[in-house]
Amino acid sequence: MTSGWLEAFVIIAAIAIVMQMAILLALYLQVKAAVAKFERVTADLQSKINPILIRVNRILEDSEERISSIMGDAAELTRVARSQAQKVDRVFTEAIERLRIQILRADIILTGALEVIEDTGSKFRDTLWGPVQKATAIIRGLKVGLDYLRRGQRQRSAEGEPATQDEELFI
């Protein structure tokens, strides 16, 4: 009996091995078909991409000089712009400094002129208004003296004529 079982297991194992071989063969054929299909798709894709890559490569080779020229020009423009900005900055700084100096000079000149005008005004007041005030004071004194003398004459004449005194009061 053991030998019957042994033969049965050997037969079952042989069938299993044959089935595994069939499955592996089917897998091999499927992978081979997939690889062949992938190779065709890759070849087709490569045949379409190669002309594009060749054109792009040519364009890049042709444009390489232009791109490097553009980059060089951009660097030169940047350098020139920086230089011009520094020159403009220097010019503005100098102009502002000159303007500040001119403003200081104008301030000094105006201050001097105002001092001269003030001194002239003081001297004018002292030389012209002093005598005018003195003359005015003399004229006022004379007027007061004349008024006093007139009142004295009126009082003398009023003593002689009482009605005129009333008239003077009325007027």
C-alpha atoms as a PDB file:
ATOM      1  CA  MET A   1       0.000   0.000   0.000  1.00  0.00           C
ATOM      2  CA  THR A   2       2.655   2.250   0.586  1.00  0.00           C
ATOM      3  CA  SER A   3       3.829   1.723  -2.866  1.00  0.00           C
ATOM      4  CA  GLY A   4       0.360   2.624  -4.218  1.00  0.00           C
ATOM      5  CA  TRP A   5       0.437   5.811  -2.318  1.00  0.00           C
ATOM      6  CA  LEU A   6       3.860   6.528  -3.406  1.00  0.00           C
ATOM      7  CA  GLU A   7       2.924   6.056  -7.047  1.00  0.00           C
ATOM      8  CA  ALA A   8      -0.142   8.283  -6.576  1.00  0.00           C
ATOM      9  CA  PHE A   9       2.000  11.066  -5.063  1.00  0.00           C
ATOM     10  CA  VAL A  10       4.560  10.727  -7.844  1.00  0.00           C
ATOM     11  CA  ILE A  11       1.777  10.945 -10.453  1.00  0.00           C
ATOM     12  CA  ILE A  12       0.208  13.954  -8.686  1.00  0.00           C
ATOM     13  CA  ALA A  13       3.639  15.617  -8.419  1.00  0.00           C
ATOM     14  CA  ALA A  14       4.319  14.919 -12.116  1.00  0.00           C
ATOM     15  CA  ILE A  15       0.941  16.412 -13.079  1.00  0.00           C
ATOM     16  CA  ALA A  16       1.657  19.469 -10.891  1.00  0.00           C
ATOM     17  CA  ILE A  17       5.085  19.906 -12.474  1.00  0.00           C
ATOM     18  CA  VAL A  18       3.598  19.630 -15.978  1.00  0.00           C
ATOM     19  CA  MET A  19       0.906  22.186 -15.063  1.00  0.00           C
ATOM     20  CA  GLN A  20       3.548  24.536 -13.668  1.00  0.00           C
ATOM     21  CA  MET A  21       5.525  24.141 -16.868  1.00  0.00           C
ATOM     22  CA  ALA A  22       2.432  24.930 -18.935  1.00  0.00           C
ATOM     23  CA  ILE A  23       1.734  28.015 -16.822  1.00  0.00           C
ATOM     24  CA  LEU A  24       5.360  29.149 -17.062  1.00  0.00           C
ATOM     25  CA  LEU A  25       5.295  28.554 -20.830  1.00  0.00           C
ATOM     26  CA  ALA A  26       2.088  30.641 -21.123  1.00  0.00           C
ATOM     27  CA  LEU A  27       3.675  33.396 -19.005  1.00  0.00           C
ATOM     28  CA  TYR A  28       6.817  33.277 -21.143  1.00  0.00           C
ATOM     29  CA  LEU A  29       4.775  33.597 -24.336  1.00  0.00           C
ATOM     30  CA  GLN A  30       2.714  36.478 -22.897  1.00  0.00           C
ATOM     31  CA  VAL A  31       5.842  38.328 -21.736  1.00  0.00           C
ATOM     32  CA  LYS A  32       7.469  37.713 -25.115  1.00  0.00           C
ATOM     33  CA  ALA A  33       4.404  39.134 -26.912  1.00  0.00           C
ATOM     34  CA  ALA A  34       4.299  42.132 -24.537  1.00  0.00           C
ATOM     35  CA  VAL A  35       8.017  42.785 -25.031  1.00  0.00           C
ATOM     36  CA  ALA A  36       7.600  42.579 -28.811  1.00  0.00           C
ATOM     37  CA  LYS A  37       4.641  44.966 -28.668  1.00  0.00           C
ATOM     38  CA  PHE A  38       6.615  47.326 -26.369  1.00  0.00           C
ATOM     39  CA  GLU A  39       9.570  47.204 -28.778  1.00  0.00           C
ATOM     40  CA  ARG A  40       7.268  48.132 -31.683  1.00  0.00           C
ATOM     41  CA  VAL A  41       5.720  51.006 -29.735  1.00  0.00           C
ATOM     42  CA  THR A  42       9.174  52.165 -28.658  1.00  0.00           C
ATOM     43  CA  ALA A  43      10.505  51.993 -32.204  1.00  0.00           C
ATOM     44  CA  ASP A  44       7.443  53.864 -33.501  1.00  0.00           C
ATOM     45  CA  LEU A  45       7.774  56.497 -30.774  1.00  0.00           C
ATOM     46  CA  GLN A  46      11.498  56.805 -31.395  1.00  0.00           C
ATOM     47  CA  SER A  47      10.938  57.237 -35.125  1.00  0.00           C
ATOM     48  CA  LYS A  48       8.538  60.108 -34.362  1.00  0.00           C
ATOM     49  CA  ILE A  49      10.652  61.711 -31.634  1.00  0.00           C
ATOM     50  CA  ASN A  50      14.020  61.495 -33.385  1.00  0.00           C
ATOM     51  CA  PRO A  51      13.223  64.163 -36.036  1.00  0.00           C
ATOM     52  CA  ILE A  52      11.898  66.468 -33.312  1.00  0.00           C
ATOM     53  CA  LEU A  53      15.015  65.962 -31.203  1.00  0.00           C
ATOM     54  CA  ILE A  54      17.213  66.542 -34.240  1.00  0.00           C
ATOM     55  CA  ARG A  55      15.400  69.819 -34.999  1.00  0.00           C
ATOM     56  CA  VAL A  56      15.583  70.950 -31.379  1.00  0.00           C
ATOM     57  CA  ASN A  57      19.288  70.096 -31.338  1.00  0.00           C
ATOM     58  CA  ARG A  58      19.864  72.132 -34.514  1.00  0.00           C
ATOM     59  CA  ILE A  59      17.887  75.065 -33.132  1.00  0.00           C
ATOM     60  CA  LEU A  60      19.873  74.967 -29.902  1.00  0.00           C
ATOM     61  CA  GLU A  61      23.150  74.771 -31.796  1.00  0.00           C
ATOM     62  CA  ASP A  62      22.112  77.695 -34.020  1.00  0.00           C
ATOM     63  CA  SER A  63      20.761  79.672 -31.067  1.00  0.00           C
ATOM     64  CA  GLU A  64      23.718  78.989 -28.803  1.00  0.00           C
ATOM     65  CA  GLU A  65      25.696  81.891 -30.270  1.00  0.00           C
ATOM     66  CA  ARG A  66      22.651  84.149 -30.186  1.00  0.00           C
ATOM     67  CA  ILE A  67      21.836  83.222 -26.612  1.00  0.00           C
ATOM     68  CA  SER A  68      25.412  83.790 -25.486  1.00  0.00           C
ATOM     69  CA  SER A  69      25.407  87.092 -27.430  1.00  0.00           C
ATOM     70  CA  ILE A  70      22.135  88.117 -25.769  1.00  0.00           C
ATOM     71  CA  MET A  71      23.507  87.199 -22.356  1.00  0.00           C
ATOM     72  CA  GLY A  72      26.676  89.189 -23.082  1.00  0.00           C
ATOM     73  CA  ASP A  73      24.633  92.167 -24.255  1.00  0.00           C
ATOM     74  CA  ALA A  74      22.439  91.958 -21.160  1.00  0.00           C
ATOM     75  CA  ALA A  75      25.532  91.909 -18.956  1.00  0.00           C
ATOM     76  CA  GLU A  76      26.944  94.916 -20.843  1.00  0.00           C
ATOM     77  CA  LEU A  77      23.630  96.790 -20.552  1.00  0.00           C
ATOM     78  CA  THR A  78      23.571  96.095 -16.836  1.00  0.00           C
ATOM     79  CA  ARG A  79      27.127  97.374 -16.462  1.00  0.00           C
ATOM     80  CA  VAL A  80      26.388 100.529 -18.499  1.00  0.00           C
ATOM     81  CA  ALA A  81      23.129 101.157 -16.614  1.00  0.00           C
ATOM     82  CA  ARG A  82      24.926 100.807 -13.283  1.00  0.00           C
ATOM     83  CA  SER A  83      27.654 103.192 -14.489  1.00  0.00           C
ATOM     84  CA  GLN A  84      25.093 105.745 -15.690  1.00  0.00           C
ATOM     85  CA  ALA A  85      23.156 105.481 -12.433  1.00  0.00           C
ATOM     86  CA  GLN A  86      26.360 106.189 -10.512  1.00  0.00           C
ATOM     87  CA  LYS A  87      27.093 109.196 -12.749  1.00  0.00           C
ATOM     88  CA  VAL A  88      23.550 110.537 -12.288  1.00  0.00           C
ATOM     89  CA  ASP A  89      23.888 110.038  -8.539  1.00  0.00           C
ATOM     90  CA  ARG A  90      27.167 111.961  -8.542  1.00  0.00           C
ATOM     91  CA  VAL A  91      25.663 114.782 -10.637  1.00  0.00           C
ATOM     92  CA  PHE A  92      22.626 115.070  -8.342  1.00  0.00           C
ATOM     93  CA  THR A  93      24.815 114.999  -5.254  1.00  0.00           C
ATOM     94  CA  GLU A  94      27.028 117.761  -6.663  1.00  0.00           C
ATOM     95  CA  ALA A  95      23.999 119.794  -7.766  1.00  0.00           C
ATOM     96  CA  ILE A  96      22.400 119.513  -4.354  1.00  0.00           C
ATOM     97  CA  GLU A  97      25.664 120.513  -2.671  1.00  0.00           C
ATOM     98  CA  ARG A  98      26.016 123.530  -4.984  1.00  0.00           C
ATOM     99  CA  LEU A  99      22.397 124.493  -4.359  1.00  0.00           C
ATOM    100  CA  ARG A 100      22.966 124.262  -0.611  1.00  0.00           C
ATOM    101  CA  ILE A 101      26.038 126.515  -0.904  1.00  0.00           C
ATOM    102  CA  GLN A 102      24.118 129.021  -3.056  1.00  0.00           C
ATOM    103  CA  ILE A 103      21.257 129.052  -0.552  1.00  0.00           C
ATOM    104  CA  LEU A 104      23.737 129.736   2.243  1.00  0.00           C
ATOM    105  CA  ARG A 105      25.271 132.568   0.202  1.00  0.00           C
ATOM    106  CA  ALA A 106      21.830 134.023  -0.534  1.00  0.00           C
ATOM    107  CA  ASP A 107      20.986 133.796   3.154  1.00  0.00           C
ATOM    108  CA  ILE A 108      24.180 135.644   4.082  1.00  0.00           C
ATOM    109  CA  ILE A 109      23.523 138.307   1.424  1.00  0.00           C
ATOM    110  CA  LEU A 110      19.887 138.767   2.509  1.00  0.00           C
ATOM    111  CA  THR A 111      20.880 138.892   6.165  1.00  0.00           C
ATOM    112  CA  GLY A 112      23.493 141.559   5.362  1.00  0.00           C
ATOM    113  CA  ALA A 113      21.019 143.517   3.245  1.00  0.00           C
ATOM    114  CA  LEU A 114      18.383 143.399   5.994  1.00  0.00           C
ATOM    115  CA  GLU A 115      20.935 144.585   8.545  1.00  0.00           C
ATOM    116  CA  VAL A 116      21.935 147.473   6.250  1.00  0.00           C
ATOM    117  CA  ILE A 117      18.270 148.369   5.715  1.00  0.00           C
ATOM    118  CA  GLU A 118      17.660 148.239   9.455  1.00  0.00           C
ATOM    119  CA  ASP A 119      20.698 150.413  10.142  1.00  0.00           C
ATOM    120  CA  THR A 120      19.638 152.837   7.408  1.00  0.00           C
ATOM    121  CA  GLY A 121      16.131 152.979   8.874  1.00  0.00           C
ATOM    122  CA  SER A 122      17.528 153.698  12.326  1.00  0.00           C
ATOM    123  CA  LYS A 123      19.824 156.417  10.970  1.00  0.00           C
ATOM    124  CA  PHE A 124      16.969 157.850   8.890  1.00  0.00           C
ATOM    125  CA  ARG A 125      14.757 157.938  11.954  1.00  0.00           C
ATOM    126  CA  ASP A 126      17.474 159.501  14.020  1.00  0.00           C
ATOM    127  CA  THR A 127      18.540 162.091  11.415  1.00  0.00           C
ATOM    128  CA  LEU A 128      15.141 162.996   9.961  1.00  0.00           C
ATOM    129  CA  TRP A 129      12.564 162.276  12.621  1.00  0.00           C
ATOM    130  CA  GLY A 130      14.626 163.671  15.477  1.00  0.00           C
ATOM    131  CA  PRO A 131      14.692 167.201  14.000  1.00  0.00           C
ATOM    132  CA  VAL A 132      11.089 166.844  12.802  1.00  0.00           C
ATOM    133  CA  GLN A 133       9.995 165.940  16.323  1.00  0.00           C
ATOM    134  CA  LYS A 134      11.991 168.836  17.727  1.00  0.00           C
ATOM    135  CA  ALA A 135      10.455 171.193  15.171  1.00  0.00           C
ATOM    136  CA  THR A 136       7.019 169.808  16.013  1.00  0.00           C
ATOM    137  CA  ALA A 137       7.691 170.364  19.680  1.00  0.00           C
ATOM    138  CA  ILE A 138       8.779 173.971  18.958  1.00  0.00           C
ATOM    139  CA  ILE A 139       5.669 174.560  16.816  1.00  0.00           C
ATOM    140  CA  ARG A 140       3.442 173.145  19.573  1.00  0.00           C
ATOM    141  CA  GLY A 141       5.167 175.367  22.083  1.00  0.00           C
ATOM    142  CA  LEU A 142       4.620 178.395  19.860  1.00  0.00           C
ATOM    143  CA  LYS A 143       0.991 177.413  19.369  1.00  0.00           C
ATOM    144  CA  VAL A 144       0.455 177.076  23.102  1.00  0.00           C
ATOM    145  CA  GLY A 145       2.133 180.461  23.598  1.00  0.00           C
ATOM    146  CA  LEU A 146      -0.009 182.087  20.915  1.00  0.00           C
ATOM    147  CA  ASP A 147      -3.138 180.499  22.353  1.00  0.00           C
ATOM    148  CA  TYR A 148      -2.194 181.856  25.729  1.00  0.00           C
ATOM    149  CA  LEU A 149      -1.641 185.307  24.339  1.00  0.00           C
ATOM    150  CA  ARG A 150      -4.966 185.201  22.471  1.00  0.00           C
ATOM    151  CA  ARG A 151      -6.800 184.158  25.571  1.00  0.00           C
ATOM    152  CA  GLY A 152      -5.226 187.020  27.454  1.00  0.00           C
ATOM    153  CA  GLN A 153      -6.406 189.495  24.806  1.00  0.00           C
ATOM    154  CA  ARG A 154      -9.875 188.010  24.796  1.00  0.00           C
ATOM    155  CA  GLN A 155     -10.138 188.235  28.516  1.00  0.00           C
ATOM    156  CA  ARG A 156      -9.162 191.913  28.399  1.00  0.00           C
ATOM    157  CA  SER A 157     -11.701 192.588  25.677  1.00  0.00           C
ATOM    158  CA  ALA A 158     -14.275 190.440  27.449  1.00  0.00           C
ATOM    159  CA  GLU A 159     -14.086 192.562  30.532  1.00  0.00           C
ATOM    160  CA  GLY A 160     -15.176 195.475  28.378  1.00  0.00           C
ATOM    161  CA  GLU A 161     -17.980 193.626  26.581  1.00  0.00           C
ATOM    162  CA  PRO A 162     -19.920 191.085  28.641  1.00  0.00           C
ATOM    163  CA  ALA A 163     -22.129 189.944  25.757  1.00  0.00           C
ATOM    164  CA  THR A 164     -19.127 188.798  23.716  1.00  0.00           C
ATOM    165  CA  GLN A 165     -18.024 186.588  26.557  1.00  0.00           C
ATOM    166  CA  ASP A 166     -21.403 184.858  26.452  1.00  0.00           C
ATOM    167  CA  GLU A 167     -21.125 184.585  22.729  1.00  0.00           C
ATOM    168  CA  GLU A 168     -17.704 183.030  23.042  1.00  0.00           C
ATOM    169  CA  LEU A 169     -19.097 180.504  25.458  1.00  0.00           C
ATOM    170  CA  PHE A 170     -21.913 179.775  23.074  1.00  0.00           C
ATOM    171  CA  ILE A 171     -19.629 179.265  20.144  1.00  0.00           C
END
